[in-house]
Amino acid sequence: MKSLRVIVVVAVLVIQVYSQRYRPEQQFNNFQQNNFIRNTPQIPRNPQSSASCPEKNGRYPTRTCDGYIECKDGVPEEKVCFDGLLFNPAAGVSAFPCQYPIDVDCTGREQTQPAQPTEECSHQYGYYRVGDAQNCGQFKNCVEGRAYIFDCPEGLAFNDVSYRCDWPDEVATCDAEAYLGFSCPPDARQFGLGQEGYRYFRSPRDCQRYFICINNKPRLYNCGDGKAFNDLINACDGIENVTGCAVPQYQSQNDYRGATTRLPTRIVG
């Protein structure tokens, strides 16, 4: 009987430990904190705030876009987002309240705290383009003032308006022709109907890649391993079917301008 009691006590302890370490809501909070802002420090607070609570529990905007009031059981506490992030009133209760500027509407509360730049970042947090209009395939994610550099996939450019990698011709700050190293001839052959038709050209640097000209702006494509662009059919074909084609061997992703392979990960709240 005594041994049975010991087994029951041990089982209860195991269940308690398991439930504390693997609760779904705790796992969600850990995932959110680790993936949205790594090593997040304490949010600055104003304990002397004269703010009030519209409701007993919730988060409410202040006159600044990066400030908010958090109410718990009717007790208000004024907080400020980290530099570079803004308070999103539309964020759910389980979401992190401070998010990137593209996800937040600051109408009527445009003022923010002074920037806290570092040698690497203009703000403590955020996404920013690296390079100029002729080198627009990289971007950096700033976390606690430290920059982490990422490359867009081959032939794409970072769009600092949407925080995405887009076609270079769709990025206002990118010179697609200079970036890809190719200009579409004005008298190019046209396929399709109307002036929006596609225009195809094999890359002058190798036959595995080719360009599609849309509105006289180039977009880079890759046929893939064992294939090459065949001018006779205006499509990718087996490399053995393309006369005089020899696929070059690149030593690194920078050997072909605009060609990168690492996929970026956008961190969202």
Protein backbone atom coordinates (compact mmCIF):
# COMPACT_ATOMS: atom_id res chain seq x y z
CA MET A 1 0.00 0.00 0.00
CA LYS A 2 2.88 2.31 0.86
CA SER A 3 4.59 1.63 -2.48
CA LEU A 4 1.34 2.39 -4.32
CA ARG A 5 1.09 5.73 -2.50
CA VAL A 6 4.67 6.59 -3.54
CA ILE A 7 3.88 5.79 -7.17
CA VAL A 8 0.80 8.03 -7.09
CA VAL A 9 2.76 10.94 -5.58
CA VAL A 10 5.52 10.61 -8.19
CA ALA A 11 2.94 10.50 -10.98
CA VAL A 12 1.29 13.68 -9.72
CA LEU A 13 4.65 15.47 -9.60
CA VAL A 14 5.50 14.38 -13.14
CA ILE A 15 2.15 15.64 -14.42
CA GLN A 16 2.62 18.99 -12.67
CA VAL A 17 6.12 19.48 -14.08
CA TYR A 18 5.00 18.45 -17.57
CA SER A 19 2.00 20.80 -17.53
CA GLN A 20 4.17 23.74 -16.43
CA ARG A 21 6.80 23.24 -19.12
CA TYR A 22 4.60 22.37 -22.08
CA ARG A 23 1.47 24.47 -21.76
CA PRO A 24 0.25 25.49 -25.26
CA GLU A 25 -0.10 29.16 -24.30
CA GLN A 26 3.41 29.20 -22.85
CA GLN A 27 4.81 27.59 -25.97
CA PHE A 28 3.06 30.24 -28.06
CA ASN A 29 4.47 33.07 -25.95
CA ASN A 30 7.98 31.61 -26.12
CA PHE A 31 7.70 31.18 -29.89
CA GLN A 32 6.46 34.74 -30.33
CA GLN A 33 9.19 36.26 -28.19
CA ASN A 34 11.99 34.21 -29.75
CA ASN A 35 10.90 34.80 -33.35
CA PHE A 36 9.62 38.38 -33.28
CA ILE A 37 12.27 40.00 -31.11
CA ARG A 38 15.13 37.87 -29.89
CA ASN A 39 16.40 38.57 -26.37
CA THR A 40 13.74 41.22 -25.82
CA PRO A 41 14.61 43.54 -22.90
CA GLN A 42 12.02 45.09 -20.62
CA ILE A 43 9.73 47.64 -22.27
CA PRO A 44 10.33 51.17 -20.91
CA ARG A 45 7.56 52.21 -18.55
CA ASN A 46 6.26 55.37 -16.93
CA PRO A 47 5.09 54.48 -13.39
CA GLN A 48 4.01 58.12 -12.77
CA SER A 49 1.52 58.11 -15.64
CA SER A 50 -1.80 59.88 -15.12
CA ALA A 51 -3.49 57.70 -17.74
CA SER A 52 -6.86 56.08 -17.17
CA CYS A 53 -8.40 52.83 -18.38
CA PRO A 54 -11.36 52.94 -20.80
CA GLU A 55 -11.98 49.33 -19.83
CA LYS A 56 -10.71 47.09 -17.05
CA ASN A 57 -8.29 45.15 -19.28
CA GLY A 58 -6.71 45.99 -22.61
CA ARG A 59 -4.15 48.10 -24.45
CA TYR A 60 -4.92 51.60 -25.67
CA PRO A 61 -3.02 54.15 -27.82
CA THR A 62 -1.63 57.43 -26.52
CA ARG A 63 -0.91 60.63 -28.42
CA THR A 64 2.34 59.12 -29.77
CA CYS A 65 2.51 56.24 -32.25
CA ASP A 66 5.01 54.21 -30.24
CA GLY A 67 3.34 54.69 -26.86
CA TYR A 68 0.40 52.87 -25.31
CA ILE A 69 -1.43 52.23 -22.06
CA GLU A 70 -1.78 48.70 -20.74
CA CYS A 71 -4.63 48.12 -18.30
CA LYS A 72 -4.78 45.13 -15.98
CA ASP A 73 -7.70 44.87 -13.57
CA GLY A 74 -8.35 48.58 -14.06
CA VAL A 75 -4.77 49.63 -13.23
CA PRO A 76 -3.17 51.67 -16.09
CA GLU A 77 0.51 51.50 -16.96
CA GLU A 78 2.02 53.66 -19.67
CA LYS A 79 4.57 51.95 -21.91
CA VAL A 80 6.75 52.82 -24.89
CA CYS A 81 7.72 50.50 -27.75
CA PHE A 82 11.35 49.93 -28.57
CA ASP A 83 12.90 52.39 -31.01
CA GLY A 84 11.81 51.51 -34.55
CA LEU A 85 8.60 49.72 -33.53
CA LEU A 86 5.10 51.21 -33.23
CA PHE A 87 2.05 50.35 -31.18
CA ASN A 88 -0.65 48.59 -33.19
CA PRO A 89 -4.12 49.01 -31.61
CA ALA A 90 -5.45 46.37 -34.01
CA ALA A 91 -3.12 43.68 -32.64
CA GLY A 92 -4.85 40.85 -30.81
CA VAL A 93 -4.48 40.23 -27.12
CA SER A 94 -2.03 37.37 -27.70
CA ALA A 95 0.05 39.33 -30.24
CA PHE A 96 3.06 41.45 -29.37
CA PRO A 97 1.69 45.05 -29.24
CA CYS A 98 4.71 46.71 -30.87
CA GLN A 99 5.10 45.99 -34.59
CA TYR A 100 6.90 47.22 -37.69
CA PRO A 101 5.80 50.55 -39.25
CA ILE A 102 4.28 48.99 -42.38
CA ASP A 103 1.74 47.17 -40.19
CA VAL A 104 0.68 50.19 -38.13
CA ASP A 105 -1.61 53.14 -38.93
CA CYS A 106 -0.27 56.24 -37.14
CA THR A 107 -2.89 58.70 -38.40
CA GLY A 108 -3.44 61.35 -35.75
CA ARG A 109 -0.54 60.22 -33.57
CA GLU A 110 2.50 60.58 -35.81
CA GLN A 111 4.98 61.63 -33.11
CA THR A 112 7.47 59.05 -31.83
CA GLN A 113 10.39 58.92 -29.44
CA PRO A 114 13.80 60.17 -30.69
CA ALA A 115 15.74 57.61 -32.73
CA GLN A 116 18.47 55.63 -30.99
CA PRO A 117 20.86 54.90 -33.90
CA THR A 118 23.97 52.74 -33.79
CA GLU A 119 26.87 52.37 -36.21
CA GLU A 120 24.94 49.59 -37.99
CA CYS A 121 21.31 50.73 -37.72
CA SER A 122 19.33 53.97 -37.92
CA HIS A 123 16.88 52.52 -35.36
CA GLN A 124 17.18 49.75 -32.79
CA TYR A 125 14.66 47.59 -34.69
CA GLY A 126 13.53 47.43 -38.30
CA TYR A 127 14.16 46.26 -41.87
CA TYR A 128 16.35 48.39 -44.12
CA ARG A 129 17.78 48.14 -47.62
CA VAL A 130 21.51 47.65 -48.05
CA GLY A 131 23.22 49.23 -51.06
CA ASP A 132 22.13 51.72 -53.69
CA ALA A 133 19.86 51.58 -56.75
CA GLN A 134 22.40 49.46 -58.64
CA ASN A 135 22.91 47.02 -55.77
CA CYS A 136 19.46 46.43 -54.30
CA GLY A 137 19.41 42.71 -53.57
CA GLN A 138 20.39 42.86 -49.90
CA PHE A 139 18.65 44.06 -46.75
CA LYS A 140 19.32 44.09 -43.03
CA ASN A 141 17.17 43.29 -40.02
CA CYS A 142 18.12 45.40 -37.01
CA VAL A 143 17.64 43.84 -33.58
CA GLU A 144 18.79 45.78 -30.51
CA GLY A 145 20.83 48.01 -32.80
CA ARG A 146 22.70 45.12 -34.40
CA ALA A 147 22.32 44.46 -38.14
CA TYR A 148 21.79 40.99 -39.62
CA ILE A 149 22.35 40.93 -43.40
CA PHE A 150 20.18 38.87 -45.77
CA ASP A 151 20.18 38.30 -49.54
CA CYS A 152 17.09 38.25 -51.71
CA PRO A 153 16.63 35.22 -53.99
CA GLU A 154 18.30 35.39 -57.39
CA GLY A 155 17.20 38.32 -59.52
CA LEU A 156 14.96 39.91 -56.88
CA ALA A 157 15.36 43.24 -55.06
CA PHE A 158 14.41 44.31 -51.56
CA ASN A 159 11.33 46.50 -51.41
CA ASP A 160 11.60 48.80 -48.39
CA VAL A 161 7.91 49.70 -48.73
CA SER A 162 6.59 46.15 -48.29
CA TYR A 163 9.61 44.49 -46.58
CA ARG A 164 9.58 41.86 -49.33
CA CYS A 165 11.84 40.77 -52.15
CA ASP A 166 10.13 41.78 -55.42
CA TRP A 167 10.95 42.03 -59.11
CA PRO A 168 13.46 44.90 -59.50
CA ASP A 169 11.18 46.77 -61.92
CA GLU A 170 8.52 46.88 -59.19
CA VAL A 171 10.87 48.46 -56.63
CA ALA A 172 10.93 52.24 -56.96
CA THR A 173 14.40 52.57 -55.43
CA CYS A 174 16.02 49.95 -57.68
CA ASP A 175 17.50 50.41 -61.16
CA ALA A 176 16.52 47.07 -62.68
CA GLU A 177 18.78 47.35 -65.72
CA ALA A 178 21.88 48.34 -63.75
CA TYR A 179 21.20 45.76 -61.04
CA LEU A 180 20.68 42.83 -63.42
CA GLY A 181 23.25 44.00 -65.97
CA PHE A 182 20.86 43.80 -68.91
CA SER A 183 18.89 46.34 -70.95
CA CYS A 184 15.90 45.37 -73.06
CA PRO A 185 16.31 46.36 -76.74
CA PRO A 186 13.61 48.77 -77.92
CA ASP A 187 12.89 46.69 -81.01
CA ALA A 188 12.62 43.39 -79.17
CA ARG A 189 10.46 40.61 -80.51
CA GLN A 190 7.12 40.55 -78.76
CA PHE A 191 5.07 37.52 -77.77
CA GLY A 192 1.46 37.71 -76.65
CA LEU A 193 -1.12 40.38 -77.33
CA GLY A 194 -0.71 44.12 -77.04
CA GLN A 195 2.16 46.09 -75.59
CA GLU A 196 2.10 44.08 -72.36
CA GLY A 197 3.40 40.94 -74.08
CA TYR A 198 6.52 39.17 -72.84
CA ARG A 199 9.87 39.52 -74.58
CA TYR A 200 12.46 36.75 -74.07
CA PHE A 201 16.25 36.99 -74.24
CA ARG A 202 18.96 34.54 -73.31
CA SER A 203 21.49 35.98 -70.89
CA PRO A 204 24.64 37.13 -72.69
CA ARG A 205 26.69 35.76 -69.79
CA ASP A 206 25.43 32.16 -69.86
CA CYS A 207 22.68 30.17 -71.51
CA GLN A 208 21.18 28.75 -68.34
CA ARG A 209 19.60 32.10 -67.47
CA TYR A 210 17.33 34.32 -69.50
CA PHE A 211 15.44 37.58 -69.24
CA ILE A 212 11.81 38.42 -69.76
CA CYS A 213 11.20 42.04 -70.69
CA ILE A 214 7.99 43.54 -69.33
CA ASN A 215 7.28 47.15 -70.20
CA ASN A 216 10.85 47.22 -71.51
CA LYS A 217 12.26 46.30 -68.08
CA PRO A 218 14.17 43.02 -67.48
CA ARG A 219 13.36 40.18 -65.08
CA LEU A 220 15.89 37.41 -64.54
CA TYR A 221 14.94 33.71 -64.65
CA ASN A 222 16.96 30.52 -64.26
CA CYS A 223 16.21 27.36 -66.23
CA GLY A 224 17.73 25.16 -63.54
CA ASP A 225 20.23 22.32 -63.51
CA GLY A 226 20.69 20.46 -66.76
CA LYS A 227 18.63 22.96 -68.75
CA ALA A 228 19.32 26.02 -70.86
CA PHE A 229 17.32 28.65 -72.70
CA ASN A 230 16.69 27.71 -76.31
CA ASP A 231 16.25 30.72 -78.61
CA LEU A 232 14.53 28.55 -81.22
CA ILE A 233 11.57 27.74 -79.00
CA ASN A 234 11.84 30.69 -76.58
CA ALA A 235 11.75 28.37 -73.59
CA CYS A 236 13.97 26.26 -71.35
CA ASP A 237 15.16 23.05 -72.95
CA GLY A 238 17.56 20.22 -72.23
CA ILE A 239 21.08 21.62 -72.35
CA GLU A 240 22.03 18.99 -74.93
CA ASN A 241 19.48 20.54 -77.32
CA VAL A 242 21.03 24.02 -77.17
CA THR A 243 23.86 24.39 -79.65
CA GLY A 244 27.07 25.86 -78.29
CA CYS A 245 25.83 26.10 -74.73
CA ALA A 246 28.28 25.63 -71.88
CA VAL A 247 27.00 26.37 -68.40
CA PRO A 248 29.69 28.24 -66.40
CA GLN A 249 30.68 27.08 -62.95
CA TYR A 250 30.34 29.91 -60.43
CA GLN A 251 32.63 29.94 -57.44
CA SER A 252 30.19 31.94 -55.30
CA GLN A 253 26.77 33.51 -55.48
CA ASN A 254 28.38 36.91 -56.14
CA ASP A 255 29.94 35.73 -59.40
CA TYR A 256 26.65 36.40 -61.13
CA ARG A 257 25.29 39.84 -60.42
CA GLY A 258 21.88 39.72 -58.84
CA ALA A 259 22.17 35.97 -58.26
CA THR A 260 21.66 34.84 -54.69
CA THR A 261 20.18 31.75 -53.15
CA ARG A 262 19.37 32.37 -49.50
CA LEU A 263 15.70 32.95 -48.82
CA PRO A 264 14.92 35.79 -46.39
CA THR A 265 12.58 35.29 -43.44
CA ARG A 266 10.29 38.07 -42.53
CA ILE A 267 9.62 38.30 -38.80
CA VAL A 268 6.14 39.41 -37.96
CA GLY A 269 4.20 39.97 -34.83
